[in-house]
């Protein structure tokens, strides 16, 4: 498996750090299980930090969309942070930038949850 995942909590928001490749197979399954376990723990504010991701294939994109949908169904939200140039271009070409809330860094993503709660 070429994807390393770690989870931490910052100001009540779960941050999932991804390093490596998000591709169809073990990597996508691991990311899906990580985020779904957070949702099962009633942790509904999730930032996926993609700063260390070097490659995403169609299976990885499908996983991100699935996690977005799962979080919404559970009353939560998944936001993306620190997209690399390559990942950002891929999300733009596939029009997924119109689906996800994307932030330059995780601090902005975490703060956006506070703004949503106040609104």
PDB file of N, CA and C in Angstrom:
ATOM      1  N   UNK A   1       0.845  -1.182   0.000  1.00  0.00           N
ATOM      2  CA  UNK A   1       0.000   0.000   0.000  1.00  0.00           C
ATOM      3  C   UNK A   1       0.885   1.237   0.000  1.00  0.00           C
ATOM      4  N   UNK A   2       0.591   2.172  -0.896  1.00  0.00           N
ATOM      5  CA  UNK A   2       1.406   3.369  -1.038  1.00  0.00           C
ATOM      6  C   UNK A   2       0.734   4.616  -0.489  1.00  0.00           C
ATOM      7  N   UNK A   3      -0.190   4.450   0.468  1.00  0.00           N
ATOM      8  CA  UNK A   3      -0.855   5.590   1.085  1.00  0.00           C
ATOM      9  C   UNK A   3      -0.711   5.480   2.586  1.00  0.00           C
ATOM     10  N   UNK A   4      -0.192   6.545   3.198  1.00  0.00           N
ATOM     11  CA  UNK A   4      -0.085   6.597   4.653  1.00  0.00           C
ATOM     12  C   UNK A   4      -1.132   7.581   5.152  1.00  0.00           C
ATOM     13  N   UNK A   5      -1.871   7.164   6.175  1.00  0.00           N
ATOM     14  CA  UNK A   5      -2.935   7.981   6.746  1.00  0.00           C
ATOM     15  C   UNK A   5      -2.677   8.192   8.228  1.00  0.00           C
ATOM     16  N   UNK A   6      -2.941   9.393   8.693  1.00  0.00           N
ATOM     17  CA  UNK A   6      -2.930   9.655  10.131  1.00  0.00           C
ATOM     18  C   UNK A   6      -4.055  10.646  10.411  1.00  0.00           C
ATOM     19  N   UNK A   7      -4.634  10.525  11.585  1.00  0.00           N
ATOM     20  CA  UNK A   7      -5.750  11.389  11.955  1.00  0.00           C
ATOM     21  C   UNK A   7      -5.411  12.104  13.250  1.00  0.00           C
ATOM     22  N   UNK A   8      -5.769  13.365  13.301  1.00  0.00           N
ATOM     23  CA  UNK A   8      -5.585  14.160  14.509  1.00  0.00           C
ATOM     24  C   UNK A   8      -6.769  15.097  14.633  1.00  0.00           C
ATOM     25  N   UNK A   9      -6.933  15.688  15.806  1.00  0.00           N
ATOM     26  CA  UNK A   9      -8.036  16.612  16.027  1.00  0.00           C
ATOM     27  C   UNK A   9      -7.465  17.992  16.302  1.00  0.00           C
ATOM     28  N   UNK A  10      -7.993  18.995  15.595  1.00  0.00           N
ATOM     29  CA  UNK A  10      -7.591  20.383  15.779  1.00  0.00           C
ATOM     30  C   UNK A  10      -8.864  21.191  15.984  1.00  0.00           C
ATOM     31  N   UNK A  11      -8.997  21.806  17.155  1.00  0.00           N
ATOM     32  CA  UNK A  11     -10.182  22.621  17.477  1.00  0.00           C
ATOM     33  C   UNK A  11     -11.486  21.860  17.225  1.00  0.00           C
ATOM     34  N   UNK A  12     -11.520  20.589  17.553  1.00  0.00           N
ATOM     35  CA  UNK A  12     -12.728  19.790  17.406  1.00  0.00           C
ATOM     36  C   UNK A  12     -12.978  19.255  16.001  1.00  0.00           C
ATOM     37  N   UNK A  13     -12.084  19.569  15.068  1.00  0.00           N
ATOM     38  CA  UNK A  13     -12.220  19.108  13.686  1.00  0.00           C
ATOM     39  C   UNK A  13     -11.235  17.969  13.448  1.00  0.00           C
ATOM     40  N   UNK A  14     -11.719  16.880  12.843  1.00  0.00           N
ATOM     41  CA  UNK A  14     -10.848  15.751  12.519  1.00  0.00           C
ATOM     42  C   UNK A  14     -10.070  16.088  11.242  1.00  0.00           C
ATOM     43  N   UNK A  15      -8.757  15.961  11.298  1.00  0.00           N
ATOM     44  CA  UNK A  15      -7.905  16.200  10.136  1.00  0.00           C
ATOM     45  C   UNK A  15      -7.263  14.870   9.752  1.00  0.00           C
ATOM     46  N   UNK A  16      -7.515  14.436   8.515  1.00  0.00           N
ATOM     47  CA  UNK A  16      -6.932  13.199   8.006  1.00  0.00           C
ATOM     48  C   UNK A  16      -5.794  13.589   7.074  1.00  0.00           C
ATOM     49  N   UNK A  17      -4.569  13.286   7.484  1.00  0.00           N
ATOM     50  CA  UNK A  17      -3.392  13.580   6.663  1.00  0.00           C
ATOM     51  C   UNK A  17      -3.124  12.402   5.738  1.00  0.00           C
ATOM     52  N   UNK A  18      -3.021  12.690   4.447  1.00  0.00           N
ATOM     53  CA  UNK A  18      -2.767  11.656   3.441  1.00  0.00           C
ATOM     54  C   UNK A  18      -1.402  11.895   2.811  1.00  0.00           C
ATOM     55  N   UNK A  19      -0.618  10.852   2.712  1.00  0.00           N
ATOM     56  CA  UNK A  19       0.692  10.928   2.069  1.00  0.00           C
ATOM     57  C   UNK A  19       0.844   9.733   1.139  1.00  0.00           C
ATOM     58  N   UNK A  20       1.136  10.015  -0.132  1.00  0.00           N
ATOM     59  CA  UNK A  20       1.324   8.941  -1.102  1.00  0.00           C
ATOM     60  C   UNK A  20       0.318   9.030  -2.230  1.00  0.00           C
ATOM     61  N   UNK A  21      -0.193   7.864  -2.621  1.00  0.00           N
ATOM     62  CA  UNK A  21      -1.110   7.782  -3.766  1.00  0.00           C
ATOM     63  C   UNK A  21      -2.483   7.311  -3.314  1.00  0.00           C
ATOM     64  N   UNK A  22      -3.516   7.964  -3.843  1.00  0.00           N
ATOM     65  CA  UNK A  22      -4.887   7.509  -3.585  1.00  0.00           C
ATOM     66  C   UNK A  22      -5.353   6.863  -4.877  1.00  0.00           C
ATOM     67  N   UNK A  23      -5.299   5.542  -4.896  1.00  0.00           N
ATOM     68  CA  UNK A  23      -5.629   4.789  -6.107  1.00  0.00           C
ATOM     69  C   UNK A  23      -6.611   3.673  -5.762  1.00  0.00           C
ATOM     70  N   UNK A  24      -7.234   3.138  -6.794  1.00  0.00           N
ATOM     71  CA  UNK A  24      -8.186   2.039  -6.635  1.00  0.00           C
ATOM     72  C   UNK A  24      -7.502   0.876  -5.926  1.00  0.00           C
ATOM     73  N   UNK A  25      -8.179   0.300  -4.962  1.00  0.00           N
ATOM     74  CA  UNK A  25      -7.633  -0.847  -4.244  1.00  0.00           C
ATOM     75  C   UNK A  25      -7.463  -0.537  -2.772  1.00  0.00           C
ATOM     76  N   UNK A  26      -6.386  -1.063  -2.201  1.00  0.00           N
ATOM     77  CA  UNK A  26      -6.139  -0.939  -0.769  1.00  0.00           C
ATOM     78  C   UNK A  26      -6.118   0.504  -0.291  1.00  0.00           C
ATOM     79  N   UNK A  27      -5.530   1.397  -1.098  1.00  0.00           N
ATOM     80  CA  UNK A  27      -5.404   2.792  -0.686  1.00  0.00           C
ATOM     81  C   UNK A  27      -6.773   3.448  -0.533  1.00  0.00           C
ATOM     82  N   UNK A  28      -7.618   3.273  -1.539  1.00  0.00           N
ATOM     83  CA  UNK A  28      -8.960   3.861  -1.480  1.00  0.00           C
ATOM     84  C   UNK A  28      -9.771   3.253  -0.344  1.00  0.00           C
ATOM     85  N   UNK A  29      -9.647   1.961  -0.151  1.00  0.00           N
ATOM     86  CA  UNK A  29     -10.367   1.278   0.927  1.00  0.00           C
ATOM     87  C   UNK A  29      -9.927   1.820   2.286  1.00  0.00           C
ATOM     88  N   UNK A  30      -8.622   2.005   2.467  1.00  0.00           N
ATOM     89  CA  UNK A  30      -8.099   2.500   3.743  1.00  0.00           C
ATOM     90  C   UNK A  30      -8.619   3.905   4.042  1.00  0.00           C
ATOM     91  N   UNK A  31      -8.620   4.771   3.047  1.00  0.00           N
ATOM     92  CA  UNK A  31      -9.124   6.129   3.249  1.00  0.00           C
ATOM     93  C   UNK A  31     -10.621   6.107   3.562  1.00  0.00           C
ATOM     94  N   UNK A  32     -11.360   5.300   2.823  1.00  0.00           N
ATOM     95  CA  UNK A  32     -12.809   5.188   3.049  1.00  0.00           C
ATOM     96  C   UNK A  32     -13.088   4.709   4.472  1.00  0.00           C
ATOM     97  N   UNK A  33     -12.375   3.677   4.916  1.00  0.00           N
ATOM     98  CA  UNK A  33     -12.592   3.141   6.263  1.00  0.00           C
ATOM     99  C   UNK A  33     -12.226   4.163   7.337  1.00  0.00           C
ATOM    100  N   UNK A  34     -11.159   4.904   7.105  1.00  0.00           N
ATOM    101  CA  UNK A  34     -10.717   5.916   8.076  1.00  0.00           C
ATOM    102  C   UNK A  34     -11.798   6.981   8.271  1.00  0.00           C
ATOM    103  N   UNK A  35     -12.312   7.515   7.173  1.00  0.00           N
ATOM    104  CA  UNK A  35     -13.307   8.583   7.260  1.00  0.00           C
ATOM    105  C   UNK A  35     -14.645   8.043   7.772  1.00  0.00           C
ATOM    106  N   UNK A  36     -15.039   6.871   7.322  1.00  0.00           N
ATOM    107  CA  UNK A  36     -16.311   6.309   7.795  1.00  0.00           C
ATOM    108  C   UNK A  36     -16.257   5.999   9.294  1.00  0.00           C
ATOM    109  N   UNK A  37     -15.096   5.617   9.810  1.00  0.00           N
ATOM    110  CA  UNK A  37     -14.995   5.369  11.254  1.00  0.00           C
ATOM    111  C   UNK A  37     -15.125   6.691  12.021  1.00  0.00           C
ATOM    112  N   UNK A  38     -14.609   7.782  11.457  1.00  0.00           N
ATOM    113  CA  UNK A  38     -14.783   9.095  12.093  1.00  0.00           C
ATOM    114  C   UNK A  38     -16.264   9.471  12.137  1.00  0.00           C
ATOM    115  N   UNK A  39     -16.958   9.249  11.036  1.00  0.00           N
ATOM    116  CA  UNK A  39     -18.393   9.543  10.989  1.00  0.00           C
ATOM    117  C   UNK A  39     -19.162   8.684  11.984  1.00  0.00           C
ATOM    118  N   UNK A  40     -18.756   7.424  12.114  1.00  0.00           N
ATOM    119  CA  UNK A  40     -19.411   6.519  13.058  1.00  0.00           C
ATOM    120  C   UNK A  40     -19.195   6.975  14.502  1.00  0.00           C
ATOM    121  N   UNK A  41     -18.077   7.652  14.761  1.00  0.00           N
ATOM    122  CA  UNK A  41     -17.784   8.197  16.096  1.00  0.00           C
ATOM    123  C   UNK A  41     -18.469   9.542  16.300  1.00  0.00           C
ATOM    124  N   UNK A  42     -19.337   9.926  15.364  1.00  0.00           N
ATOM    125  CA  UNK A  42     -20.065  11.189  15.400  1.00  0.00           C
ATOM    126  C   UNK A  42     -19.144  12.397  15.243  1.00  0.00           C
ATOM    127  N   UNK A  43     -18.027  12.194  14.570  1.00  0.00           N
ATOM    128  CA  UNK A  43     -17.118  13.296  14.254  1.00  0.00           C
ATOM    129  C   UNK A  43     -17.453  13.718  12.835  1.00  0.00           C
ATOM    130  N   UNK A  44     -18.238  14.767  12.721  1.00  0.00           N
ATOM    131  CA  UNK A  44     -18.840  15.123  11.446  1.00  0.00           C
ATOM    132  C   UNK A  44     -18.112  16.229  10.698  1.00  0.00           C
ATOM    133  N   UNK A  45     -17.144  16.855  11.313  1.00  0.00           N
ATOM    134  CA  UNK A  45     -16.364  17.899  10.656  1.00  0.00           C
ATOM    135  C   UNK A  45     -14.990  17.325  10.332  1.00  0.00           C
ATOM    136  N   UNK A  46     -14.766  17.097   9.026  1.00  0.00           N
ATOM    137  CA  UNK A  46     -13.556  16.392   8.603  1.00  0.00           C
ATOM    138  C   UNK A  46     -12.842  17.189   7.518  1.00  0.00           C
ATOM    139  N   UNK A  47     -11.539  17.363   7.699  1.00  0.00           N
ATOM    140  CA  UNK A  47     -10.681  17.963   6.683  1.00  0.00           C
ATOM    141  C   UNK A  47      -9.741  16.870   6.187  1.00  0.00           C
ATOM    142  N   UNK A  48      -9.693  16.690   4.874  1.00  0.00           N
ATOM    143  CA  UNK A  48      -8.736  15.751   4.291  1.00  0.00           C
ATOM    144  C   UNK A  48      -7.585  16.580   3.745  1.00  0.00           C
ATOM    145  N   UNK A  49      -6.418  16.409   4.367  1.00  0.00           N
ATOM    146  CA  UNK A  49      -5.210  17.140   3.991  1.00  0.00           C
ATOM    147  C   UNK A  49      -4.507  16.354   2.882  1.00  0.00           C
ATOM    148  N   UNK A  50      -4.538  16.895   1.668  1.00  0.00           N
ATOM    149  CA  UNK A  50      -3.963  16.207   0.510  1.00  0.00           C
ATOM    150  C   UNK A  50      -2.575  16.728   0.144  1.00  0.00           C
ATOM    151  N   UNK A  51      -1.945  17.475   1.036  1.00  0.00           N
ATOM    152  CA  UNK A  51      -0.645  18.075   0.751  1.00  0.00           C
ATOM    153  C   UNK A  51       0.447  17.081   0.421  1.00  0.00           C
ATOM    154  N   UNK A  52       0.329  15.860   0.898  1.00  0.00           N
ATOM    155  CA  UNK A  52       1.344  14.847   0.635  1.00  0.00           C
ATOM    156  C   UNK A  52       0.957  13.851  -0.440  1.00  0.00           C
ATOM    157  N   UNK A  53      -0.140  14.113  -1.144  1.00  0.00           N
ATOM    158  CA  UNK A  53      -0.616  13.177  -2.159  1.00  0.00           C
ATOM    159  C   UNK A  53       0.046  13.476  -3.497  1.00  0.00           C
ATOM    160  N   UNK A  54       0.669  12.471  -4.069  1.00  0.00           N
ATOM    161  CA  UNK A  54       1.391  12.644  -5.333  1.00  0.00           C
ATOM    162  C   UNK A  54       0.578  12.228  -6.544  1.00  0.00           C
ATOM    163  N   UNK A  55      -0.466  11.404  -6.318  1.00  0.00           N
ATOM    164  CA  UNK A  55      -1.222  10.885  -7.460  1.00  0.00           C
ATOM    165  C   UNK A  55      -2.598  10.416  -7.000  1.00  0.00           C
ATOM    166  N   UNK A  56      -3.616  10.698  -7.802  1.00  0.00           N
ATOM    167  CA  UNK A  56      -4.962  10.170  -7.575  1.00  0.00           C
ATOM    168  C   UNK A  56      -5.459   9.625  -8.904  1.00  0.00           C
ATOM    169  N   UNK A  57      -5.984   8.394  -8.898  1.00  0.00           N
ATOM    170  CA  UNK A  57      -6.580   7.851 -10.122  1.00  0.00           C
ATOM    171  C   UNK A  57      -8.104   7.965 -10.026  1.00  0.00           C
ATOM    172  N   UNK A  58      -8.803   7.431 -11.009  1.00  0.00           N
ATOM    173  CA  UNK A  58     -10.262   7.540 -11.035  1.00  0.00           C
ATOM    174  C   UNK A  58     -10.899   6.869  -9.819  1.00  0.00           C
ATOM    175  N   UNK A  59     -10.306   5.781  -9.359  1.00  0.00           N
ATOM    176  CA  UNK A  59     -10.807   5.116  -8.155  1.00  0.00           C
ATOM    177  C   UNK A  59     -10.667   6.004  -6.926  1.00  0.00           C
ATOM    178  N   UNK A  60      -9.557   6.722  -6.846  1.00  0.00           N
ATOM    179  CA  UNK A  60      -9.336   7.659  -5.741  1.00  0.00           C
ATOM    180  C   UNK A  60     -10.312   8.818  -5.785  1.00  0.00           C
ATOM    181  N   UNK A  61     -10.577   9.336  -6.993  1.00  0.00           N
ATOM    182  CA  UNK A  61     -11.567  10.405  -7.138  1.00  0.00           C
ATOM    183  C   UNK A  61     -12.945   9.910  -6.711  1.00  0.00           C
ATOM    184  N   UNK A  62     -13.277   8.694  -7.128  1.00  0.00           N
ATOM    185  CA  UNK A  62     -14.550   8.104  -6.735  1.00  0.00           C
ATOM    186  C   UNK A  62     -14.671   7.960  -5.229  1.00  0.00           C
ATOM    187  N   UNK A  63     -13.573   7.624  -4.586  1.00  0.00           N
ATOM    188  CA  UNK A  63     -13.560   7.501  -3.130  1.00  0.00           C
ATOM    189  C   UNK A  63     -13.822   8.842  -2.475  1.00  0.00           C
ATOM    190  N   UNK A  64     -13.164   9.904  -2.958  1.00  0.00           N
ATOM    191  CA  UNK A  64     -13.384  11.231  -2.395  1.00  0.00           C
ATOM    192  C   UNK A  64     -14.849  11.652  -2.542  1.00  0.00           C
ATOM    193  N   UNK A  65     -15.419  11.412  -3.707  1.00  0.00           N
ATOM    194  CA  UNK A  65     -16.834  11.759  -3.930  1.00  0.00           C
ATOM    195  C   UNK A  65     -17.728  10.937  -3.008  1.00  0.00           C
ATOM    196  N   UNK A  66     -17.434   9.661  -2.866  1.00  0.00           N
ATOM    197  CA  UNK A  66     -18.203   8.803  -1.969  1.00  0.00           C
ATOM    198  C   UNK A  66     -18.143   9.272  -0.522  1.00  0.00           C
ATOM    199  N   UNK A  67     -16.959   9.722  -0.081  1.00  0.00           N
ATOM    200  CA  UNK A  67     -16.813  10.209   1.287  1.00  0.00           C
ATOM    201  C   UNK A  67     -17.590  11.508   1.489  1.00  0.00           C
ATOM    202  N   UNK A  68     -17.559  12.355   0.480  1.00  0.00           N
ATOM    203  CA  UNK A  68     -18.328  13.596   0.520  1.00  0.00           C
ATOM    204  C   UNK A  68     -19.813  13.272   0.705  1.00  0.00           C
ATOM    205  N   UNK A  69     -20.310  12.329  -0.085  1.00  0.00           N
ATOM    206  CA  UNK A  69     -21.718  11.927  -0.028  1.00  0.00           C
ATOM    207  C   UNK A  69     -22.060  11.275   1.304  1.00  0.00           C
ATOM    208  N   UNK A  70     -21.188  10.402   1.793  1.00  0.00           N
ATOM    209  CA  UNK A  70     -21.420   9.734   3.082  1.00  0.00           C
ATOM    210  C   UNK A  70     -21.489  10.742   4.215  1.00  0.00           C
ATOM    211  N   UNK A  71     -20.586  11.708   4.196  1.00  0.00           N
ATOM    212  CA  UNK A  71     -20.570  12.725   5.253  1.00  0.00           C
ATOM    213  C   UNK A  71     -21.848  13.556   5.210  1.00  0.00           C
ATOM    214  N   UNK A  72     -22.255  13.957   4.020  1.00  0.00           N
ATOM    215  CA  UNK A  72     -23.486  14.750   3.880  1.00  0.00           C
ATOM    216  C   UNK A  72     -24.694  13.961   4.379  1.00  0.00           C
ATOM    217  N   UNK A  73     -24.754  12.688   4.043  1.00  0.00           N
ATOM    218  CA  UNK A  73     -25.870  11.838   4.480  1.00  0.00           C
ATOM    219  C   UNK A  73     -25.909  11.703   6.001  1.00  0.00           C
ATOM    220  N   UNK A  74     -24.733  11.772   6.634  1.00  0.00           N
ATOM    221  CA  UNK A  74     -24.641  11.641   8.089  1.00  0.00           C
ATOM    222  C   UNK A  74     -24.773  12.992   8.789  1.00  0.00           C
ATOM    223  N   UNK A  75     -25.040  14.053   8.014  1.00  0.00           N
ATOM    224  CA  UNK A  75     -25.162  15.391   8.595  1.00  0.00           C
ATOM    225  C   UNK A  75     -23.832  16.060   8.830  1.00  0.00           C
ATOM    226  N   UNK A  76     -22.794  15.568   8.152  1.00  0.00           N
ATOM    227  CA  UNK A  76     -21.454  16.119   8.326  1.00  0.00           C
ATOM    228  C   UNK A  76     -20.939  16.769   7.068  1.00  0.00           C
ATOM    229  N   UNK A  77     -19.633  17.020   7.077  1.00  0.00           N
ATOM    230  CA  UNK A  77     -19.012  17.690   5.947  1.00  0.00           C
ATOM    231  C   UNK A  77     -17.547  17.277   5.829  1.00  0.00           C
ATOM    232  N   UNK A  78     -17.132  17.054   4.585  1.00  0.00           N
ATOM    233  CA  UNK A  78     -15.731  16.773   4.281  1.00  0.00           C
ATOM    234  C   UNK A  78     -15.210  17.922   3.426  1.00  0.00           C
ATOM    235  N   UNK A  79     -14.102  18.508   3.862  1.00  0.00           N
ATOM    236  CA  UNK A  79     -13.471  19.593   3.112  1.00  0.00           C
ATOM    237  C   UNK A  79     -12.046  19.182   2.777  1.00  0.00           C
ATOM    238  N   UNK A  80     -11.538  19.686   1.668  1.00  0.00           N
ATOM    239  CA  UNK A  80     -10.186  19.339   1.224  1.00  0.00           C
ATOM    240  C   UNK A  80      -9.240  20.502   1.463  1.00  0.00           C
ATOM    241  N   UNK A  81      -8.001  20.183   1.826  1.00  0.00           N
ATOM    242  CA  UNK A  81      -6.996  21.215   2.074  1.00  0.00           C
ATOM    243  C   UNK A  81      -5.659  20.809   1.468  1.00  0.00           C
ATOM    244  N   UNK A  82      -4.866  21.827   1.135  1.00  0.00           N
ATOM    245  CA  UNK A  82      -3.484  21.683   0.674  1.00  0.00           C
ATOM    246  C   UNK A  82      -3.352  20.803  -0.568  1.00  0.00           C
ATOM    247  N   UNK A  83      -4.171  21.057  -1.570  1.00  0.00           N
ATOM    248  CA  UNK A  83      -4.057  20.294  -2.809  1.00  0.00           C
ATOM    249  C   UNK A  83      -2.719  20.586  -3.479  1.00  0.00           C
ATOM    250  N   UNK A  84      -2.052  19.547  -3.931  1.00  0.00           N
ATOM    251  CA  UNK A  84      -0.851  19.748  -4.730  1.00  0.00           C
ATOM    252  C   UNK A  84      -1.294  20.251  -6.104  1.00  0.00           C
ATOM    253  N   UNK A  85      -0.362  20.773  -6.869  1.00  0.00           N
ATOM    254  CA  UNK A  85      -0.688  21.297  -8.204  1.00  0.00           C
ATOM    255  C   UNK A  85      -1.347  20.219  -9.061  1.00  0.00           C
ATOM    256  N   UNK A  86      -0.761  19.054  -9.039  1.00  0.00           N
ATOM    257  CA  UNK A  86      -1.276  17.944  -9.857  1.00  0.00           C
ATOM    258  C   UNK A  86      -2.696  17.544  -9.454  1.00  0.00           C
ATOM    259  N   UNK A  87      -2.946  17.429  -8.152  1.00  0.00           N
ATOM    260  CA  UNK A  87      -4.270  17.046  -7.666  1.00  0.00           C
ATOM    261  C   UNK A  87      -5.274  18.166  -7.954  1.00  0.00           C
ATOM    262  N   UNK A  88      -4.862  19.406  -7.763  1.00  0.00           N
ATOM    263  CA  UNK A  88      -5.732  20.537  -8.058  1.00  0.00           C
ATOM    264  C   UNK A  88      -6.155  20.576  -9.511  1.00  0.00           C
ATOM    265  N   UNK A  89      -5.212  20.318 -10.409  1.00  0.00           N
ATOM    266  CA  UNK A  89      -5.537  20.290 -11.839  1.00  0.00           C
ATOM    267  C   UNK A  89      -6.521  19.172 -12.156  1.00  0.00           C
ATOM    268  N   UNK A  90      -6.323  18.026 -11.552  1.00  0.00           N
ATOM    269  CA  UNK A  90      -7.216  16.887 -11.783  1.00  0.00           C
ATOM    270  C   UNK A  90      -8.637  17.207 -11.312  1.00  0.00           C
ATOM    271  N   UNK A  91      -8.755  17.826 -10.145  1.00  0.00           N
ATOM    272  CA  UNK A  91     -10.081  18.189  -9.643  1.00  0.00           C
ATOM    273  C   UNK A  91     -10.725  19.265 -10.521  1.00  0.00           C
ATOM    274  N   UNK A  92      -9.903  20.131 -11.095  1.00  0.00           N
ATOM    275  CA  UNK A  92     -10.444  21.169 -11.980  1.00  0.00           C
ATOM    276  C   UNK A  92     -10.941  20.559 -13.291  1.00  0.00           C
ATOM    277  N   UNK A  93     -10.141  19.690 -13.882  1.00  0.00           N
ATOM    278  CA  UNK A  93     -10.515  19.058 -15.150  1.00  0.00           C
ATOM    279  C   UNK A  93     -11.785  18.226 -14.997  1.00  0.00           C
ATOM    280  N   UNK A  94     -11.933  17.555 -13.872  1.00  0.00           N
ATOM    281  CA  UNK A  94     -13.103  16.702 -13.645  1.00  0.00           C
ATOM    282  C   UNK A  94     -14.290  17.477 -13.075  1.00  0.00           C
ATOM    283  N   UNK A  95     -14.114  18.773 -12.905  1.00  0.00           N
ATOM    284  CA  UNK A  95     -15.163  19.665 -12.369  1.00  0.00           C
ATOM    285  C   UNK A  95     -15.513  19.371 -10.912  1.00  0.00           C
ATOM    286  N   UNK A  96     -14.688  18.618 -10.216  1.00  0.00           N
ATOM    287  CA  UNK A  96     -14.963  18.315  -8.815  1.00  0.00           C
ATOM    288  C   UNK A  96     -14.658  19.499  -7.897  1.00  0.00           C
ATOM    289  N   UNK A  97     -13.956  20.504  -8.413  1.00  0.00           N
ATOM    290  CA  UNK A  97     -13.731  21.709  -7.613  1.00  0.00           C
ATOM    291  C   UNK A  97     -15.050  22.421  -7.337  1.00  0.00           C
ATOM    292  N   UNK A  98     -16.071  22.153  -8.163  1.00  0.00           N
ATOM    293  CA  UNK A  98     -17.381  22.755  -7.936  1.00  0.00           C
ATOM    294  C   UNK A  98     -18.177  21.994  -6.878  1.00  0.00           C
ATOM    295  N   UNK A  99     -17.724  20.795  -6.526  1.00  0.00           N
ATOM    296  CA  UNK A  99     -18.412  19.965  -5.539  1.00  0.00           C
ATOM    297  C   UNK A  99     -17.817  20.182  -4.147  1.00  0.00           C
ATOM    298  N   UNK A 100     -16.503  20.103  -4.053  1.00  0.00           N
ATOM    299  CA  UNK A 100     -15.810  20.189  -2.770  1.00  0.00           C
ATOM    300  C   UNK A 100     -15.514  21.626  -2.370  1.00  0.00           C
ATOM    301  N   UNK A 101     -15.491  21.846  -1.058  1.00  0.00           N
ATOM    302  CA  UNK A 101     -14.925  23.085  -0.541  1.00  0.00           C
ATOM    303  C   UNK A 101     -13.430  22.812  -0.404  1.00  0.00           C
ATOM    304  N   UNK A 102     -12.626  23.636  -1.065  1.00  0.00           N
ATOM    305  CA  UNK A 102     -11.182  23.421  -1.107  1.00  0.00           C
ATOM    306  C   UNK A 102     -10.494  24.645  -0.503  1.00  0.00           C
ATOM    307  N   UNK A 103      -9.481  24.391   0.324  1.00  0.00           N
ATOM    308  CA  UNK A 103      -8.761  25.455   1.015  1.00  0.00           C
ATOM    309  C   UNK A 103      -7.261  25.314   0.809  1.00  0.00           C
ATOM    310  N   UNK A 104      -6.569  26.455   0.796  1.00  0.00           N
ATOM    311  CA  UNK A 104      -5.121  26.449   0.598  1.00  0.00           C
ATOM    312  C   UNK A 104      -4.400  25.745   1.729  1.00  0.00           C
ATOM    313  N   UNK A 105      -4.913  25.900   2.955  1.00  0.00           N
ATOM    314  CA  UNK A 105      -4.262  25.243   4.086  1.00  0.00           C
ATOM    315  C   UNK A 105      -5.321  24.738   5.057  1.00  0.00           C
ATOM    316  N   UNK A 106      -4.899  23.918   5.979  1.00  0.00           N
ATOM    317  CA  UNK A 106      -5.865  23.299   6.883  1.00  0.00           C
ATOM    318  C   UNK A 106      -6.437  24.288   7.884  1.00  0.00           C
ATOM    319  N   UNK A 107      -5.687  25.332   8.246  1.00  0.00           N
ATOM    320  CA  UNK A 107      -6.218  26.338   9.168  1.00  0.00           C
ATOM    321  C   UNK A 107      -7.457  27.008   8.585  1.00  0.00           C
ATOM    322  N   UNK A 108      -7.400  27.352   7.300  1.00  0.00           N
ATOM    323  CA  UNK A 108      -8.563  27.961   6.648  1.00  0.00           C
ATOM    324  C   UNK A 108      -9.742  26.992   6.634  1.00  0.00           C
ATOM    325  N   UNK A 109      -9.472  25.736   6.349  1.00  0.00           N
ATOM    326  CA  UNK A 109     -10.534  24.724   6.316  1.00  0.00           C
ATOM    327  C   UNK A 109     -11.171  24.565   7.696  1.00  0.00           C
ATOM    328  N   UNK A 110     -10.353  24.524   8.736  1.00  0.00           N
ATOM    329  CA  UNK A 110     -10.860  24.370  10.103  1.00  0.00           C
ATOM    330  C   UNK A 110     -11.688  25.593  10.495  1.00  0.00           C
ATOM    331  N   UNK A 111     -11.185  26.784  10.183  1.00  0.00           N
ATOM    332  CA  UNK A 111     -11.932  28.012  10.492  1.00  0.00           C
ATOM    333  C   UNK A 111     -13.266  28.053   9.759  1.00  0.00           C
ATOM    334  N   UNK A 112     -13.334  27.485   8.563  1.00  0.00           N
ATOM    335  CA  UNK A 112     -14.576  27.517   7.794  1.00  0.00           C
ATOM    336  C   UNK A 112     -15.698  26.768   8.497  1.00  0.00           C
ATOM    337  N   UNK A 113     -15.361  25.770   9.308  1.00  0.00           N
ATOM    338  CA  UNK A 113     -16.389  25.072  10.069  1.00  0.00           C
ATOM    339  C   UNK A 113     -16.996  25.995  11.117  1.00  0.00           C
ATOM    340  N   UNK A 114     -16.170  26.846  11.719  1.00  0.00           N
ATOM    341  CA  UNK A 114     -16.681  27.792  12.714  1.00  0.00           C
ATOM    342  C   UNK A 114     -17.602  28.801  12.060  1.00  0.00           C
ATOM    343  N   UNK A 115     -17.255  29.266  10.870  1.00  0.00           N
ATOM    344  CA  UNK A 115     -18.090  30.229  10.156  1.00  0.00           C
ATOM    345  C   UNK A 115     -19.437  29.615   9.824  1.00  0.00           C
ATOM    346  N   UNK A 116     -19.430  28.332   9.430  1.00  0.00           N
ATOM    347  CA  UNK A 116     -20.674  27.631   9.090  1.00  0.00           C
ATOM    348  C   UNK A 116     -21.561  27.505  10.319  1.00  0.00           C
ATOM    349  N   UNK A 117     -20.959  27.226  11.477  1.00  0.00           N
ATOM    350  CA  UNK A 117     -21.733  27.042  12.706  1.00  0.00           C
ATOM    351  C   UNK A 117     -22.368  28.365  13.146  1.00  0.00           C
ATOM    352  N   UNK A 118     -21.695  29.475  12.900  1.00  0.00           N
ATOM    353  CA  UNK A 118     -22.203  30.782  13.306  1.00  0.00           C
ATOM    354  C   UNK A 118     -23.329  31.235  12.377  1.00  0.00           C
ATOM    355  N   UNK A 119     -23.211  30.892  11.104  1.00  0.00           N
ATOM    356  CA  UNK A 119     -24.185  31.369  10.102  1.00  0.00           C
ATOM    357  C   UNK A 119     -25.571  30.812  10.288  1.00  0.00           C
TER     358      UNK A 119
END
